[in-house]
C-alpha atoms as a PDB file:
ATOM      1  CA  MET A   1     -19.910  -8.018 -10.759  1.00  0.00           C
ATOM      2  CA  ARG A   2     -22.171  -7.924 -13.804  1.00  0.00           C
ATOM      3  CA  SER A   3     -23.199  -4.298 -13.312  1.00  0.00           C
ATOM      4  CA  ASN A   4     -19.563  -3.168 -13.225  1.00  0.00           C
ATOM      5  CA  LYS A   5     -19.106  -4.886 -16.580  1.00  0.00           C
ATOM      6  CA  LEU A   6     -22.156  -3.057 -17.955  1.00  0.00           C
ATOM      7  CA  ILE A   7     -20.721   0.292 -16.841  1.00  0.00           C
ATOM      8  CA  THR A   8     -17.287  -0.602 -18.249  1.00  0.00           C
ATOM      9  CA  GLU A   9     -18.875  -1.282 -21.654  1.00  0.00           C
ATOM     10  CA  PHE A  10     -20.784   2.024 -21.460  1.00  0.00           C
ATOM     11  CA  MET A  11     -17.522   3.817 -20.682  1.00  0.00           C
ATOM     12  CA  ASP A  12     -15.886   2.213 -23.764  1.00  0.00           C
ATOM     13  CA  LEU A  13     -13.120   0.642 -21.692  1.00  0.00           C
ATOM     14  CA  PRO A  14     -11.590  -2.816 -22.155  1.00  0.00           C
ATOM     15  CA  ILE A  15     -13.832  -5.434 -20.548  1.00  0.00           C
ATOM     16  CA  LYS A  16     -10.861  -7.358 -19.165  1.00  0.00           C
ATOM     17  CA  GLU A  17     -10.345  -4.622 -16.585  1.00  0.00           C
ATOM     18  CA  ASN A  18     -12.139  -5.078 -13.275  1.00  0.00           C
ATOM     19  CA  ILE A  19     -13.061  -1.505 -12.459  1.00  0.00           C
ATOM     20  CA  PRO A  20     -14.665  -1.068  -9.018  1.00  0.00           C
ATOM     21  CA  TYR A  21     -17.480   1.368  -9.845  1.00  0.00           C
ATOM     22  CA  ASP A  22     -19.409   0.026  -6.860  1.00  0.00           C
ATOM     23  CA  ASP A  23     -16.523   0.688  -4.426  1.00  0.00           C
ATOM     24  CA  ASP A  24     -14.619   3.708  -5.738  1.00  0.00           C
ATOM     25  CA  TRP A  25     -16.105   7.211  -5.882  1.00  0.00           C
ATOM     26  CA  ARG A  26     -13.606   8.349  -8.533  1.00  0.00           C
ATOM     27  CA  TRP A  27     -14.661   5.664 -10.995  1.00  0.00           C
ATOM     28  CA  LEU A  28     -18.346   6.030 -10.163  1.00  0.00           C
ATOM     29  CA  MET A  29     -18.298   9.802 -10.713  1.00  0.00           C
ATOM     30  CA  GLN A  30     -16.627   9.329 -14.113  1.00  0.00           C
ATOM     31  CA  ALA A  31     -19.574   7.122 -15.058  1.00  0.00           C
ATOM     32  CA  VAL A  32     -22.019   9.729 -13.714  1.00  0.00           C
ATOM     33  CA  ASN A  33     -20.345  12.415 -15.820  1.00  0.00           C
ATOM     34  CA  LYS A  34     -20.640  10.276 -18.937  1.00  0.00           C
ATOM     35  CA  CYS A  35     -24.312   9.582 -18.199  1.00  0.00           C
ATOM     36  CA  LEU A  36     -25.010  13.290 -17.797  1.00  0.00           C
ATOM     37  CA  SER A  37     -23.247  14.067 -21.080  1.00  0.00           C
ATOM     38  CA  THR A  38     -25.229  11.397 -22.942  1.00  0.00           C
ATOM     39  CA  PRO A  39     -28.200  12.802 -24.870  1.00  0.00           C
ATOM     40  CA  VAL A  40     -31.602  11.563 -23.733  1.00  0.00           C
ATOM     41  CA  LYS A  41     -34.753  11.513 -25.839  1.00  0.00           C
ATOM     42  CA  GLU A  42     -37.389  12.010 -23.170  1.00  0.00           C
ATOM     43  CA  GLU A  43     -37.855  15.060 -20.992  1.00  0.00           C
ATOM     44  CA  GLY A  44     -36.594  14.428 -17.485  1.00  0.00           C
ATOM     45  CA  GLY A  45     -34.285  11.621 -18.602  1.00  0.00           C
ATOM     46  CA  TYR A  46     -31.734  12.613 -15.986  1.00  0.00           C
ATOM     47  CA  PHE A  47     -34.252  12.993 -13.147  1.00  0.00           C
ATOM     48  CA  GLN A  48     -33.534   9.692 -11.381  1.00  0.00           C
ATOM     49  CA  LEU A  49     -29.779  10.165 -11.645  1.00  0.00           C
ATOM     50  CA  LYS A  50     -29.945  13.716 -10.293  1.00  0.00           C
ATOM     51  CA  GLU A  51     -32.184  12.584  -7.444  1.00  0.00           C
ATOM     52  CA  ALA A  52     -29.668   9.852  -6.603  1.00  0.00           C
ATOM     53  CA  LEU A  53     -26.833  12.384  -6.620  1.00  0.00           C
ATOM     54  CA  SER A  54     -28.723  14.530  -4.126  1.00  0.00           C
ATOM     55  CA  THR A  55     -28.618  11.657  -1.609  1.00  0.00           C
ATOM     56  CA  ALA A  56     -24.783  11.522  -1.718  1.00  0.00           C
ATOM     57  CA  LYS A  57     -25.073   7.760  -1.103  1.00  0.00           C
ATOM     58  CA  LYS A  58     -22.727   5.711  -3.226  1.00  0.00           C
ATOM     59  CA  ASP A  59     -24.967   2.652  -3.449  1.00  0.00           C
ATOM     60  CA  VAL A  60     -27.978   4.736  -4.530  1.00  0.00           C
ATOM     61  CA  ILE A  61     -25.948   6.572  -7.175  1.00  0.00           C
ATOM     62  CA  TYR A  62     -24.434   3.310  -8.402  1.00  0.00           C
ATOM     63  CA  LYS A  63     -27.868   1.732  -8.869  1.00  0.00           C
ATOM     64  CA  SER A  64     -29.091   4.840 -10.662  1.00  0.00           C
ATOM     65  CA  VAL A  65     -26.136   4.751 -13.075  1.00  0.00           C
ATOM     66  CA  VAL A  66     -26.828   1.086 -13.829  1.00  0.00           C
ATOM     67  CA  GLN A  67     -30.527   1.887 -14.384  1.00  0.00           C
ATOM     68  CA  PHE A  68     -29.666   4.825 -16.667  1.00  0.00           C
ATOM     69  CA  ILE A  69     -27.409   2.634 -18.816  1.00  0.00           C
ATOM     70  CA  THR A  70     -29.952  -0.192 -18.905  1.00  0.00           C
ATOM     71  CA  ASP A  71     -32.695   2.217 -19.994  1.00  0.00           C
ATOM     72  CA  LYS A  72     -30.454   3.595 -22.769  1.00  0.00           C
ATOM     73  CA  LYS A  73     -30.038   0.140 -24.331  1.00  0.00           C
END
């Protein structure tokens, strides 16, 4: 999946690994932690990610992580 590759690059891991961020909470939460420790320029830069976390829905959080990384590029 292309989005998993995007997250893998953001996490500074080897691309050859197929890490299941979309299926595995442990991997997804590592990506969330890195997002939340990444400085943002605009006020409220973490708003969408924090809102997604409040839903406790893996697919919503996953999409929010992908959006966060895409916006950072």
